[in-house]
């Protein structure tokens, strides 16, 4: 239950930041729990967003840069303690941008 909820929240948060660009904002998204010992990383380029070992709180803060961490209250206890890997491909956006 917890991982299903987190995966849903991550997909919503990750897609919200670019949803105004077009109705089909991403082609593929993969979300999963990080393996123990995984090193933190995060990368955003025109074709994809990838991150490893990021907490849900950090992903929310990346998605909404105007929100400061102390303004996020409530949520489950694992909001900051469990880490997630996300890979999201934006190929369709890149192809449309090249056509215009």
Foldseek 3Di string as FASTA:
>chain_A
DVFVVLVVLLVCLVCVLCCVVDVCQFDDKDKDWADPPDDWDWDDDPFKTKTWFAAQLRSNCVSPVVDDSVVDDDDDPRNHPTGMIMIITRVVVVVVVVVD
